[in-house]
Amino acid sequence: MNLTITQENVHLLLPSKLSRMANMLAEDKGISIVEAMKMLYASEVYSRLEKESTKAWHLGAVALYEDFQAGV
């Protein structure tokens, strides 16, 4: 079994991280999950997260959310 993360499969790691981040953002800002997801997908954090070469996928949802908050 090949467990190497590549640009072709990094997208498989994103839903769980984004789901957790969206819940935190929606709660903090009092917005809907849909609005939170739109904000996250448009963010610099997501741009880094979807690129395997940045290794941002190593970070947990809380650390990624903190990065997102610092950039907002």
N, C-alpha and C. Protein backbone atom coordinates (compact mmCIF):
# COMPACT_ATOMS: atom_id res chain seq x y z
N MET A 1 0.85 -1.18 0.00
CA MET A 1 0.00 0.00 0.00
C MET A 1 0.89 1.24 0.00
N ASN A 2 0.62 2.15 -0.93
CA ASN A 2 1.39 3.39 -1.04
C ASN A 2 0.72 4.48 -0.19
N LEU A 3 1.43 4.96 0.81
CA LEU A 3 0.89 5.98 1.72
C LEU A 3 1.52 7.35 1.49
N THR A 4 2.16 7.55 0.35
CA THR A 4 2.80 8.81 0.04
C THR A 4 1.76 9.84 -0.37
N ILE A 5 1.88 11.04 0.20
CA ILE A 5 0.99 12.14 -0.18
C ILE A 5 1.63 12.86 -1.36
N THR A 6 0.85 13.01 -2.42
CA THR A 6 1.30 13.68 -3.63
C THR A 6 0.29 14.76 -4.00
N GLN A 7 0.63 15.57 -5.01
CA GLN A 7 -0.31 16.57 -5.48
C GLN A 7 -1.59 15.93 -6.00
N GLU A 8 -1.48 14.72 -6.50
CA GLU A 8 -2.66 14.03 -7.04
C GLU A 8 -3.61 13.51 -5.96
N ASN A 9 -3.13 13.32 -4.74
CA ASN A 9 -4.02 12.77 -3.71
C ASN A 9 -4.18 13.65 -2.47
N VAL A 10 -3.51 14.78 -2.42
CA VAL A 10 -3.61 15.64 -1.24
C VAL A 10 -5.05 16.10 -0.99
N HIS A 11 -5.84 16.21 -2.06
CA HIS A 11 -7.23 16.64 -1.91
C HIS A 11 -8.05 15.71 -1.01
N LEU A 12 -7.60 14.48 -0.86
CA LEU A 12 -8.32 13.54 0.00
C LEU A 12 -8.24 13.90 1.48
N LEU A 13 -7.24 14.70 1.85
CA LEU A 13 -7.06 15.10 3.24
C LEU A 13 -7.84 16.36 3.62
N LEU A 14 -8.30 17.08 2.64
CA LEU A 14 -8.87 18.41 2.89
C LEU A 14 -10.27 18.43 3.50
N PRO A 15 -11.19 17.56 3.11
CA PRO A 15 -12.56 17.69 3.64
C PRO A 15 -12.67 17.69 5.16
N SER A 16 -11.97 16.81 5.82
CA SER A 16 -12.09 16.76 7.28
C SER A 16 -11.51 18.01 7.93
N LYS A 17 -10.40 18.51 7.40
CA LYS A 17 -9.80 19.72 7.95
C LYS A 17 -10.71 20.93 7.72
N LEU A 18 -11.23 21.04 6.50
CA LEU A 18 -12.10 22.17 6.18
C LEU A 18 -13.42 22.12 6.93
N SER A 19 -13.94 20.95 7.14
CA SER A 19 -15.18 20.81 7.89
C SER A 19 -15.01 21.33 9.31
N ARG A 20 -13.93 20.92 9.94
CA ARG A 20 -13.67 21.38 11.32
C ARG A 20 -13.44 22.88 11.36
N MET A 21 -12.67 23.39 10.40
CA MET A 21 -12.41 24.83 10.34
C MET A 21 -13.70 25.60 10.10
N ALA A 22 -14.56 25.10 9.23
CA ALA A 22 -15.82 25.78 8.93
C ALA A 22 -16.71 25.84 10.16
N ASN A 23 -16.74 24.78 10.93
CA ASN A 23 -17.52 24.79 12.17
C ASN A 23 -17.00 25.83 13.14
N MET A 24 -15.69 25.92 13.28
CA MET A 24 -15.10 26.92 14.18
C MET A 24 -15.41 28.34 13.70
N LEU A 25 -15.26 28.57 12.39
CA LEU A 25 -15.49 29.89 11.83
C LEU A 25 -16.96 30.29 11.95
N ALA A 26 -17.86 29.37 11.63
CA ALA A 26 -19.29 29.66 11.72
C ALA A 26 -19.68 30.02 13.15
N GLU A 27 -19.14 29.29 14.10
CA GLU A 27 -19.44 29.56 15.51
C GLU A 27 -18.86 30.90 15.95
N ASP A 28 -17.61 31.16 15.58
CA ASP A 28 -16.96 32.41 15.99
C ASP A 28 -17.60 33.65 15.38
N LYS A 29 -18.01 33.55 14.11
CA LYS A 29 -18.55 34.71 13.39
C LYS A 29 -20.07 34.77 13.38
N GLY A 30 -20.72 33.70 13.84
CA GLY A 30 -22.18 33.68 13.81
C GLY A 30 -22.73 33.65 12.39
N ILE A 31 -22.06 32.89 11.52
CA ILE A 31 -22.49 32.78 10.13
C ILE A 31 -22.83 31.32 9.83
N SER A 32 -23.39 31.10 8.66
CA SER A 32 -23.74 29.73 8.27
C SER A 32 -22.49 28.94 7.87
N ILE A 33 -22.62 27.64 7.90
CA ILE A 33 -21.53 26.77 7.46
C ILE A 33 -21.19 27.04 6.00
N VAL A 34 -22.21 27.29 5.18
CA VAL A 34 -21.99 27.56 3.76
C VAL A 34 -21.15 28.83 3.59
N GLU A 35 -21.48 29.87 4.32
CA GLU A 35 -20.70 31.11 4.25
C GLU A 35 -19.28 30.88 4.75
N ALA A 36 -19.15 30.12 5.81
CA ALA A 36 -17.82 29.81 6.35
C ALA A 36 -16.99 29.05 5.32
N MET A 37 -17.59 28.08 4.66
CA MET A 37 -16.87 27.32 3.65
C MET A 37 -16.44 28.22 2.49
N LYS A 38 -17.30 29.12 2.06
CA LYS A 38 -16.95 30.05 0.99
C LYS A 38 -15.74 30.89 1.39
N MET A 39 -15.75 31.37 2.61
CA MET A 39 -14.62 32.17 3.09
C MET A 39 -13.32 31.35 3.12
N LEU A 40 -13.43 30.13 3.57
CA LEU A 40 -12.25 29.28 3.66
C LEU A 40 -11.70 28.92 2.28
N TYR A 41 -12.58 28.55 1.36
CA TYR A 41 -12.12 28.19 0.02
C TYR A 41 -11.48 29.38 -0.70
N ALA A 42 -11.86 30.59 -0.36
CA ALA A 42 -11.30 31.79 -0.99
C ALA A 42 -10.05 32.29 -0.27
N SER A 43 -9.64 31.62 0.78
CA SER A 43 -8.54 32.12 1.61
C SER A 43 -7.16 31.68 1.14
N GLU A 44 -6.17 32.41 1.60
CA GLU A 44 -4.77 32.06 1.36
C GLU A 44 -4.43 30.73 2.02
N VAL A 45 -5.02 30.46 3.16
CA VAL A 45 -4.77 29.19 3.85
C VAL A 45 -5.17 28.02 2.96
N TYR A 46 -6.33 28.11 2.33
CA TYR A 46 -6.76 27.02 1.44
C TYR A 46 -5.83 26.91 0.24
N SER A 47 -5.41 28.04 -0.28
CA SER A 47 -4.49 28.03 -1.41
C SER A 47 -3.22 27.27 -1.07
N ARG A 48 -2.70 27.49 0.13
CA ARG A 48 -1.51 26.75 0.59
C ARG A 48 -1.84 25.29 0.86
N LEU A 49 -2.99 25.06 1.44
CA LEU A 49 -3.38 23.71 1.84
C LEU A 49 -3.54 22.77 0.64
N GLU A 50 -4.03 23.28 -0.46
CA GLU A 50 -4.25 22.42 -1.62
C GLU A 50 -2.98 22.13 -2.41
N LYS A 51 -1.88 22.77 -2.05
CA LYS A 51 -0.60 22.51 -2.71
C LYS A 51 0.24 21.59 -1.83
N GLU A 52 0.46 20.40 -2.28
CA GLU A 52 1.20 19.41 -1.50
C GLU A 52 2.58 19.93 -1.11
N SER A 53 3.20 20.69 -1.98
CA SER A 53 4.57 21.15 -1.75
C SER A 53 4.73 22.05 -0.53
N THR A 54 3.65 22.69 -0.08
CA THR A 54 3.72 23.56 1.09
C THR A 54 3.75 22.77 2.40
N LYS A 55 3.31 21.53 2.33
CA LYS A 55 3.21 20.64 3.48
C LYS A 55 2.24 21.17 4.54
N ALA A 56 1.37 22.11 4.18
CA ALA A 56 0.37 22.64 5.11
C ALA A 56 -0.60 21.54 5.55
N TRP A 57 -0.74 20.51 4.74
CA TRP A 57 -1.64 19.41 5.09
C TRP A 57 -1.17 18.66 6.33
N HIS A 58 0.07 18.88 6.74
CA HIS A 58 0.56 18.29 7.99
C HIS A 58 -0.11 18.92 9.22
N LEU A 59 -0.55 20.15 9.08
CA LEU A 59 -1.12 20.89 10.21
C LEU A 59 -2.53 20.41 10.53
N GLY A 60 -2.88 20.50 11.78
CA GLY A 60 -4.23 20.17 12.20
C GLY A 60 -5.19 21.31 11.92
N ALA A 61 -6.47 21.04 12.07
CA ALA A 61 -7.50 22.03 11.78
C ALA A 61 -7.38 23.26 12.67
N VAL A 62 -7.00 23.09 13.92
CA VAL A 62 -6.88 24.24 14.83
C VAL A 62 -5.74 25.15 14.39
N ALA A 63 -4.60 24.58 14.06
CA ALA A 63 -3.46 25.40 13.59
C ALA A 63 -3.80 26.10 12.28
N LEU A 64 -4.47 25.40 11.38
CA LEU A 64 -4.87 26.02 10.11
C LEU A 64 -5.88 27.14 10.35
N TYR A 65 -6.79 26.94 11.28
CA TYR A 65 -7.77 27.98 11.60
C TYR A 65 -7.09 29.20 12.21
N GLU A 66 -6.11 28.99 13.04
CA GLU A 66 -5.35 30.10 13.61
C GLU A 66 -4.64 30.88 12.51
N ASP A 67 -4.06 30.17 11.54
CA ASP A 67 -3.44 30.83 10.38
C ASP A 67 -4.48 31.63 9.61
N PHE A 68 -5.65 31.05 9.42
CA PHE A 68 -6.73 31.75 8.71
C PHE A 68 -7.10 33.02 9.45
N GLN A 69 -7.27 32.92 10.76
CA GLN A 69 -7.66 34.08 11.56
C GLN A 69 -6.60 35.18 11.51
N ALA A 70 -5.34 34.80 11.46
CA ALA A 70 -4.25 35.78 11.40
C ALA A 70 -4.26 36.53 10.06
N GLY A 71 -4.77 35.88 9.03
CA GLY A 71 -4.81 36.50 7.71
C GLY A 71 -6.06 37.29 7.41
N VAL A 72 -7.05 37.21 8.28
CA VAL A 72 -8.33 37.89 8.03
C VAL A 72 -8.26 39.31 8.53
